[in-house]
Amino acid sequence: MSYRIGILTSGGDCPGLNAAIRGVARAAYQTLDVEIIGIRAGYRGLIDGDYQVMQQSQFSGILTMGGTILGTSRTPFRNMRVVEEDNVDKVHAMKMNYRAMRLDCLVALGGNGTHKTANMLSKEGLNVIGLPKTIDNDIYGTDFTFGFHTAVGIATDVIDRIHTTAASHNRCMVIEIMGNKAGWLTLYSGIAGGADVILLPEIPYDIENVAKVIEERARLDKNFTILAVAEGAMSREEAAMKRKDREAARAQSEYKNISQRVAAQLEQMTGVECRTVIPGHMQRGGSPSAYDRVLSTRFGVHAAHLIKEGRYGLTVALKGNEISENKLEDIAGVPKPVDPDDQIVRTARSMNISFGD
């Protein structure tokens, strides 16, 4: 039997996408009579019918490359069934283009939004397999997503480098790490980088408790303090607000991000000079780590095996050290926040790392 496999990458880019694409392709070429269709710019390409028939040579030399050779875009799930000014019925267009490309299945690489759309298309009758990527590590049902470990390494390197300048100038340094809804990246890099305070969306902080950490370190002749702060971290007061009220209050603030606001408050409360560092999209860029190259490859190969077995409506997952899968309908849209009682949180507390609570 001959197969036509469509592959797309959707949402934010991250290291390991190309390694996963390569894993799917090489395993498919090895075990199936296959033609692979590269869909450009994520679901937008599936909506517009923007694709190319890939050659085997296009999957060579991409293992170490960051980004995605297929390009990506964000097409929010909440808008998928909304007909906008272009008068395009996006779901209908994707189904029609799937058939026009003569696809036997679609492999969608992405995060939570990507998986929600993948699940929707599966329920619409298409053969779909998901691959979980995100630097946030917040996809339910898998221990790790590819891209996460590389981002942890980058964020940790930032924290490492800030230590020396913080110590040299007797400063408090507030480093803002990506993670709007989930704090996994900040938690792991904060521990790995030796942060004194870690602020997460899942554990609302009291700024007075954070100030006490700085003051206590000064009393112990520790002349600097490192804070790893998730971009979605919130104070206890903010956590008590409705989301709309919280967003409105932040919009009216003179500080447009969490790190600047926290730094200003702490400097006023403690008298210690506080500076901010925002590595931003650096955390998404560059070559994947060895761990992510292996994980991405394993995910891609497993996807090819699922195709060979004719098993669809699934997404690949890492459970323990085994590659497995979950039903898309079981994990799509299900959050995976940091549990405040998670063992790794307790490990951090045992190291006298403060969460500001």
Protein backbone atom coordinates (compact mmCIF):
# COMPACT_ATOMS: atom_id res chain seq x y z
CA MET A 1 0.00 0.00 0.00
CA SER A 2 1.23 3.48 -0.86
CA TYR A 3 0.79 6.31 1.67
CA ARG A 4 0.66 10.08 1.32
CA ILE A 5 1.56 11.66 4.65
CA GLY A 6 1.02 15.36 5.30
CA ILE A 7 3.23 17.06 7.89
CA LEU A 8 2.78 20.52 9.38
CA THR A 9 4.28 22.49 12.26
CA SER A 10 1.98 24.92 14.04
CA GLY A 11 2.24 27.52 16.80
CA GLY A 12 5.48 28.87 18.20
CA ASP A 13 8.71 27.42 16.85
CA CYS A 14 11.10 25.54 19.11
CA PRO A 15 14.24 23.42 18.87
CA GLY A 16 13.54 19.84 17.82
CA LEU A 17 10.86 20.43 15.21
CA ASN A 18 13.17 19.52 12.35
CA ALA A 19 14.50 16.52 14.23
CA ALA A 20 10.92 15.26 14.71
CA ILE A 21 10.07 15.89 11.04
CA ARG A 22 13.18 13.95 10.09
CA GLY A 23 12.23 11.11 12.45
CA VAL A 24 8.80 10.74 10.87
CA ALA A 25 10.20 10.88 7.35
CA ARG A 26 13.13 8.53 7.73
CA ALA A 27 11.11 5.89 9.57
CA ALA A 28 8.30 6.20 7.01
CA TYR A 29 10.68 5.86 4.07
CA GLN A 30 12.26 2.85 5.77
CA THR A 31 9.06 0.92 6.46
CA LEU A 32 6.42 2.20 4.02
CA ASP A 33 5.90 3.00 0.36
CA VAL A 34 5.39 6.67 1.05
CA GLU A 35 5.17 10.17 -0.36
CA ILE A 36 5.47 13.00 2.12
CA ILE A 37 3.65 16.30 1.67
CA GLY A 38 5.10 19.28 3.48
CA ILE A 39 2.38 21.77 4.44
CA ARG A 40 3.75 25.30 4.77
CA ALA A 41 3.08 27.67 7.69
CA GLY A 42 1.05 25.34 9.90
CA TYR A 43 -2.73 25.11 9.72
CA ARG A 44 -2.72 28.28 7.62
CA GLY A 45 -1.10 26.24 4.84
CA LEU A 46 -3.73 23.53 5.20
CA ILE A 47 -6.46 26.17 4.99
CA ASP A 48 -4.90 27.83 1.93
CA GLY A 49 -3.71 24.65 0.20
CA ASP A 50 -0.06 25.75 0.41
CA TYR A 51 2.10 22.64 0.22
CA GLN A 52 4.93 20.87 -1.57
CA VAL A 53 5.79 17.27 -2.35
CA MET A 54 8.96 16.63 -0.37
CA GLN A 55 12.06 14.85 -1.63
CA GLN A 56 14.04 12.50 0.61
CA SER A 57 17.04 14.79 0.30
CA GLN A 58 15.10 17.58 2.06
CA PHE A 59 15.16 15.60 5.28
CA SER A 60 18.96 15.32 5.33
CA GLY A 61 21.09 17.69 7.37
CA ILE A 62 18.20 19.04 9.47
CA LEU A 63 18.71 17.11 12.73
CA THR A 64 20.69 19.92 14.32
CA MET A 65 18.74 22.82 12.85
CA GLY A 66 16.49 24.99 15.01
CA GLY A 67 13.18 26.35 13.79
CA THR A 68 11.20 24.43 11.18
CA ILE A 69 11.88 23.85 7.50
CA LEU A 70 8.11 23.91 6.88
CA GLY A 71 7.51 27.28 8.50
CA THR A 72 4.85 27.89 11.13
CA SER A 73 2.10 30.28 12.15
CA ARG A 74 -0.43 30.76 14.90
CA THR A 75 -4.04 30.08 13.95
CA PRO A 76 -5.87 30.19 17.30
CA PHE A 77 -8.22 27.29 17.92
CA ARG A 78 -10.92 29.63 19.18
CA ASN A 79 -11.11 31.15 15.68
CA MET A 80 -11.13 27.90 13.72
CA ARG A 81 -14.91 27.78 13.36
CA VAL A 82 -15.26 31.56 13.01
CA VAL A 83 -15.74 32.86 9.47
CA GLU A 84 -13.80 36.11 9.40
CA GLU A 85 -13.49 38.97 6.89
CA ASP A 86 -11.96 36.70 4.24
CA ASN A 87 -15.20 34.65 4.27
CA VAL A 88 -13.24 31.40 4.53
CA ASP A 89 -14.79 28.47 6.38
CA LYS A 90 -11.49 27.25 7.80
CA VAL A 91 -12.63 23.80 8.90
CA HIS A 92 -14.27 23.10 5.56
CA ALA A 93 -11.18 24.39 3.72
CA MET A 94 -8.85 22.14 5.71
CA LYS A 95 -11.00 19.08 5.00
CA MET A 96 -11.19 19.91 1.31
CA ASN A 97 -7.44 20.50 1.00
CA TYR A 98 -6.68 17.31 2.93
CA ARG A 99 -8.62 15.47 0.24
CA ALA A 100 -7.21 17.55 -2.61
CA MET A 101 -3.70 16.62 -1.45
CA ARG A 102 -4.87 12.98 -1.42
CA LEU A 103 -3.57 12.53 2.11
CA ASP A 104 -3.89 9.26 3.98
CA CYS A 105 -3.03 11.01 7.23
CA LEU A 106 -1.86 14.28 8.73
CA VAL A 107 0.96 14.59 11.30
CA ALA A 108 0.63 17.82 13.28
CA LEU A 109 3.57 19.01 15.39
CA GLY A 110 2.65 21.58 18.00
CA GLY A 111 1.44 22.57 21.43
CA ASN A 112 -1.94 22.83 23.11
CA GLY A 113 -3.69 24.85 20.41
CA THR A 114 -2.30 22.59 17.70
CA HIS A 115 -3.61 19.53 19.52
CA LYS A 116 -7.07 21.03 19.99
CA THR A 117 -7.29 21.65 16.25
CA ALA A 118 -5.87 18.18 15.54
CA ASN A 119 -8.57 16.65 17.74
CA MET A 120 -11.24 18.69 15.96
CA LEU A 121 -10.03 17.47 12.56
CA SER A 122 -9.94 13.92 13.86
CA LYS A 123 -13.58 14.23 14.92
CA GLU A 124 -14.32 15.62 11.45
CA GLY A 125 -13.18 12.30 10.00
CA LEU A 126 -9.53 12.97 9.08
CA ASN A 127 -6.68 10.64 10.03
CA VAL A 128 -4.53 12.70 12.39
CA ILE A 129 -1.52 12.06 14.63
CA GLY A 130 -0.06 14.67 16.97
CA LEU A 131 3.51 15.24 18.13
CA PRO A 132 3.82 17.26 21.37
CA LYS A 133 6.22 20.18 21.16
CA THR A 134 6.44 23.23 23.39
CA ILE A 135 9.10 24.87 25.51
CA ASP A 136 6.42 25.22 28.21
CA ASN A 137 6.13 21.43 28.76
CA ASP A 138 2.42 21.91 29.46
CA ILE A 139 0.80 19.24 27.28
CA TYR A 140 -1.15 16.78 29.38
CA GLY A 141 -0.30 13.08 29.25
CA THR A 142 3.40 13.30 28.39
CA ASP A 143 6.22 13.65 30.89
CA PHE A 144 8.14 15.93 28.55
CA THR A 145 7.58 17.72 25.27
CA PHE A 146 10.41 18.22 22.80
CA GLY A 147 11.88 21.70 22.90
CA PHE A 148 11.55 21.95 26.67
CA HIS A 149 14.99 20.65 27.66
CA THR A 150 16.74 22.88 25.14
CA ALA A 151 14.88 25.92 26.46
CA VAL A 152 15.79 24.93 30.03
CA GLY A 153 19.44 24.85 28.98
CA ILE A 154 19.22 28.30 27.38
CA ALA A 155 17.39 29.85 30.34
CA THR A 156 19.85 28.24 32.75
CA ASP A 157 22.76 29.67 30.79
CA VAL A 158 21.20 33.13 31.11
CA ILE A 159 20.86 32.72 34.87
CA ASP A 160 24.43 31.42 35.12
CA ARG A 161 25.78 34.47 33.33
CA ILE A 162 23.74 36.85 35.47
CA HIS A 163 25.27 35.46 38.67
CA THR A 164 28.64 37.06 38.03
CA THR A 165 27.36 40.52 37.23
CA ALA A 166 24.89 40.38 40.13
CA ALA A 167 27.67 39.49 42.56
CA SER A 168 30.05 42.11 41.14
CA HIS A 169 27.55 44.94 41.58
CA ASN A 170 25.70 43.80 44.72
CA ARG A 171 22.44 43.69 42.83
CA CYS A 172 19.14 41.88 42.82
CA MET A 173 18.59 40.52 39.32
CA VAL A 174 15.09 39.63 38.11
CA ILE A 175 15.19 37.27 35.13
CA GLU A 176 11.91 36.83 33.24
CA ILE A 177 11.49 33.35 31.79
CA MET A 178 8.87 32.35 29.21
CA GLY A 179 5.76 30.65 30.53
CA ASN A 180 2.45 32.47 30.64
CA LYS A 181 0.20 29.74 32.01
CA ALA A 182 2.63 27.08 33.21
CA GLY A 183 5.86 27.54 35.16
CA TRP A 184 7.76 24.37 34.24
CA LEU A 185 10.48 26.20 32.32
CA THR A 186 11.06 28.72 35.12
CA LEU A 187 10.98 26.00 37.76
CA TYR A 188 13.57 23.78 36.08
CA SER A 189 15.90 26.57 34.96
CA GLY A 190 15.55 28.34 38.29
CA ILE A 191 16.73 25.27 40.16
CA ALA A 192 19.46 24.49 37.61
CA GLY A 193 20.67 28.10 37.65
CA GLY A 194 20.73 28.46 41.42
CA ALA A 195 17.98 31.09 41.71
CA ASP A 196 17.15 32.24 45.22
CA VAL A 197 13.52 32.98 44.37
CA ILE A 198 11.28 31.32 41.77
CA LEU A 199 7.91 32.89 40.97
CA LEU A 200 5.38 30.79 39.06
CA PRO A 201 1.83 31.29 37.76
CA GLU A 202 0.69 28.33 39.86
CA ILE A 203 2.00 29.68 43.20
CA PRO A 204 0.81 33.27 43.79
CA TYR A 205 3.45 35.31 45.60
CA ASP A 206 3.46 37.94 48.33
CA ILE A 207 5.97 40.64 47.40
CA GLU A 208 6.77 41.19 51.09
CA ASN A 209 7.92 37.58 51.36
CA VAL A 210 10.20 38.10 48.36
CA ALA A 211 11.64 41.26 49.92
CA LYS A 212 12.39 39.30 53.10
CA VAL A 213 14.56 36.91 51.08
CA ILE A 214 16.69 39.81 49.83
CA GLU A 215 16.97 41.28 53.33
CA GLU A 216 17.85 37.93 54.89
CA ARG A 217 20.56 37.29 52.30
CA ALA A 218 22.02 40.73 53.03
CA ARG A 219 22.03 39.91 56.75
CA LEU A 220 24.03 36.76 55.94
CA ASP A 221 26.53 38.82 53.89
CA LYS A 222 25.22 37.39 50.62
CA ASN A 223 25.46 40.50 48.51
CA PHE A 224 23.22 39.53 45.59
CA THR A 225 19.90 37.81 44.89
CA ILE A 226 18.69 36.02 41.77
CA LEU A 227 15.00 35.82 40.93
CA ALA A 228 13.67 33.55 38.16
CA VAL A 229 10.20 34.86 37.33
CA ALA A 230 7.75 33.27 34.90
CA GLU A 231 6.13 35.80 32.57
CA GLY A 232 2.74 34.67 33.85
CA ALA A 233 3.58 34.85 37.55
CA MET A 234 1.04 36.71 39.64
CA SER A 235 0.74 38.15 43.11
CA ARG A 236 -1.85 36.94 45.61
CA GLU A 237 -3.88 40.08 44.92
CA GLU A 238 -3.87 39.39 41.17
CA ALA A 239 -4.71 35.73 41.69
CA ALA A 240 -7.86 36.76 43.58
CA MET A 241 -9.07 38.84 40.60
CA LYS A 242 -11.07 37.66 37.64
CA ARG A 243 -8.91 37.25 34.54
CA LYS A 244 -10.39 40.28 32.76
CA ASP A 245 -9.89 42.48 35.81
CA ARG A 246 -6.31 41.29 36.20
CA GLU A 247 -5.52 41.99 32.55
CA ALA A 248 -7.11 45.44 32.81
CA ALA A 249 -5.07 46.26 35.90
CA ARG A 250 -1.85 45.19 34.20
CA ALA A 251 -2.69 47.23 31.11
CA GLN A 252 -3.01 50.34 33.25
CA SER A 253 0.26 49.72 35.08
CA GLU A 254 3.33 51.72 34.12
CA TYR A 255 5.21 48.41 33.97
CA LYS A 256 4.31 46.27 30.98
CA ASN A 257 5.87 43.05 32.20
CA ILE A 258 6.17 41.15 35.44
CA SER A 259 9.94 41.49 35.84
CA GLN A 260 9.92 45.27 35.71
CA ARG A 261 7.05 45.48 38.16
CA VAL A 262 8.65 43.08 40.65
CA ALA A 263 12.05 44.79 40.36
CA ALA A 264 10.56 48.23 41.00
CA GLN A 265 8.64 47.02 44.03
CA LEU A 266 11.63 45.24 45.54
CA GLU A 267 13.99 48.16 45.01
CA GLN A 268 11.57 50.49 46.77
CA MET A 269 11.00 48.06 49.64
CA THR A 270 14.61 46.97 50.25
CA GLY A 271 16.77 49.79 48.92
CA VAL A 272 18.76 47.21 46.93
CA GLU A 273 19.39 48.02 43.27
CA CYS A 274 17.26 45.70 41.14
CA ARG A 275 17.76 45.10 37.42
CA THR A 276 15.78 43.04 34.93
CA VAL A 277 16.79 40.60 32.22
CA ILE A 278 14.35 39.32 29.59
CA PRO A 279 15.93 36.70 27.27
CA GLY A 280 12.61 36.38 25.42
CA HIS A 281 12.63 34.47 22.15
CA MET A 282 16.25 33.43 22.61
CA GLN A 283 14.69 30.59 24.60
CA ARG A 284 13.02 29.29 21.43
CA GLY A 285 16.01 29.56 19.15
CA GLY A 286 19.06 27.67 18.07
CA SER A 287 20.05 24.05 17.77
CA PRO A 288 18.22 21.43 19.88
CA SER A 289 20.07 19.79 22.75
CA ALA A 290 21.19 16.18 22.47
CA TYR A 291 18.26 15.17 24.69
CA ASP A 292 15.73 16.90 22.45
CA ARG A 293 17.29 15.47 19.30
CA VAL A 294 16.83 11.97 20.69
CA LEU A 295 13.33 12.65 22.06
CA SER A 296 12.16 14.29 18.82
CA THR A 297 13.52 11.39 16.80
CA ARG A 298 11.80 8.84 19.05
CA PHE A 299 8.51 10.74 18.78
CA GLY A 300 8.78 10.95 15.00
CA VAL A 301 9.60 7.27 14.59
CA HIS A 302 6.68 6.28 16.81
CA ALA A 303 4.35 8.41 14.70
CA ALA A 304 5.52 6.52 11.59
CA HIS A 305 4.82 3.22 13.34
CA LEU A 306 1.29 4.37 14.23
CA ILE A 307 0.72 5.22 10.57
CA LYS A 308 1.92 1.77 9.51
CA GLU A 309 -0.50 0.22 12.02
CA GLY A 310 -3.36 2.43 10.84
CA ARG A 311 -3.88 3.94 14.29
CA TYR A 312 -5.06 7.55 14.23
CA GLY A 313 -6.69 10.10 16.50
CA LEU A 314 -3.63 9.81 18.74
CA THR A 315 -0.72 11.91 19.95
CA VAL A 316 2.68 10.55 20.87
CA ALA A 317 3.86 10.76 24.48
CA LEU A 318 6.78 10.01 26.78
CA LYS A 319 5.75 8.05 29.87
CA GLY A 320 8.67 7.18 32.09
CA ASN A 321 11.30 6.13 29.58
CA GLU A 322 8.83 4.58 27.14
CA ILE A 323 7.36 6.21 24.05
CA SER A 324 3.62 5.67 23.99
CA GLU A 325 0.53 7.56 22.88
CA ASN A 326 -2.67 9.16 24.11
CA LYS A 327 -6.02 9.69 22.47
CA LEU A 328 -6.26 13.24 21.14
CA GLU A 329 -9.70 13.59 22.69
CA ASP A 330 -8.27 12.73 26.12
CA ILE A 331 -5.53 15.37 26.16
CA ALA A 332 -6.62 18.20 23.84
CA GLY A 333 -7.25 21.33 25.88
CA VAL A 334 -6.37 19.68 29.18
CA PRO A 335 -3.94 21.88 31.15
CA LYS A 336 -0.77 20.57 32.81
CA PRO A 337 0.22 23.19 35.37
CA VAL A 338 2.92 22.79 37.99
CA ASP A 339 1.44 21.14 41.07
CA PRO A 340 2.53 23.23 44.10
CA ASP A 341 3.12 19.93 45.90
CA ASP A 342 5.11 18.38 43.03
CA GLN A 343 8.26 16.62 44.20
CA ILE A 344 10.46 19.05 42.27
CA VAL A 345 8.80 21.99 44.06
CA ARG A 346 9.44 20.27 47.38
CA THR A 347 13.03 19.69 46.30
CA ALA A 348 13.44 23.42 45.65
CA ARG A 349 11.92 24.33 49.02
CA SER A 350 14.32 21.89 50.72
CA MET A 351 17.14 23.92 49.13
CA ASN A 352 15.72 27.08 50.75
CA ILE A 353 14.49 28.42 47.41
CA SER A 354 11.56 30.74 48.01
CA PHE A 355 8.38 30.79 45.93
CA GLY A 356 7.25 34.02 47.55
CA ASP A 357 4.28 32.36 49.22
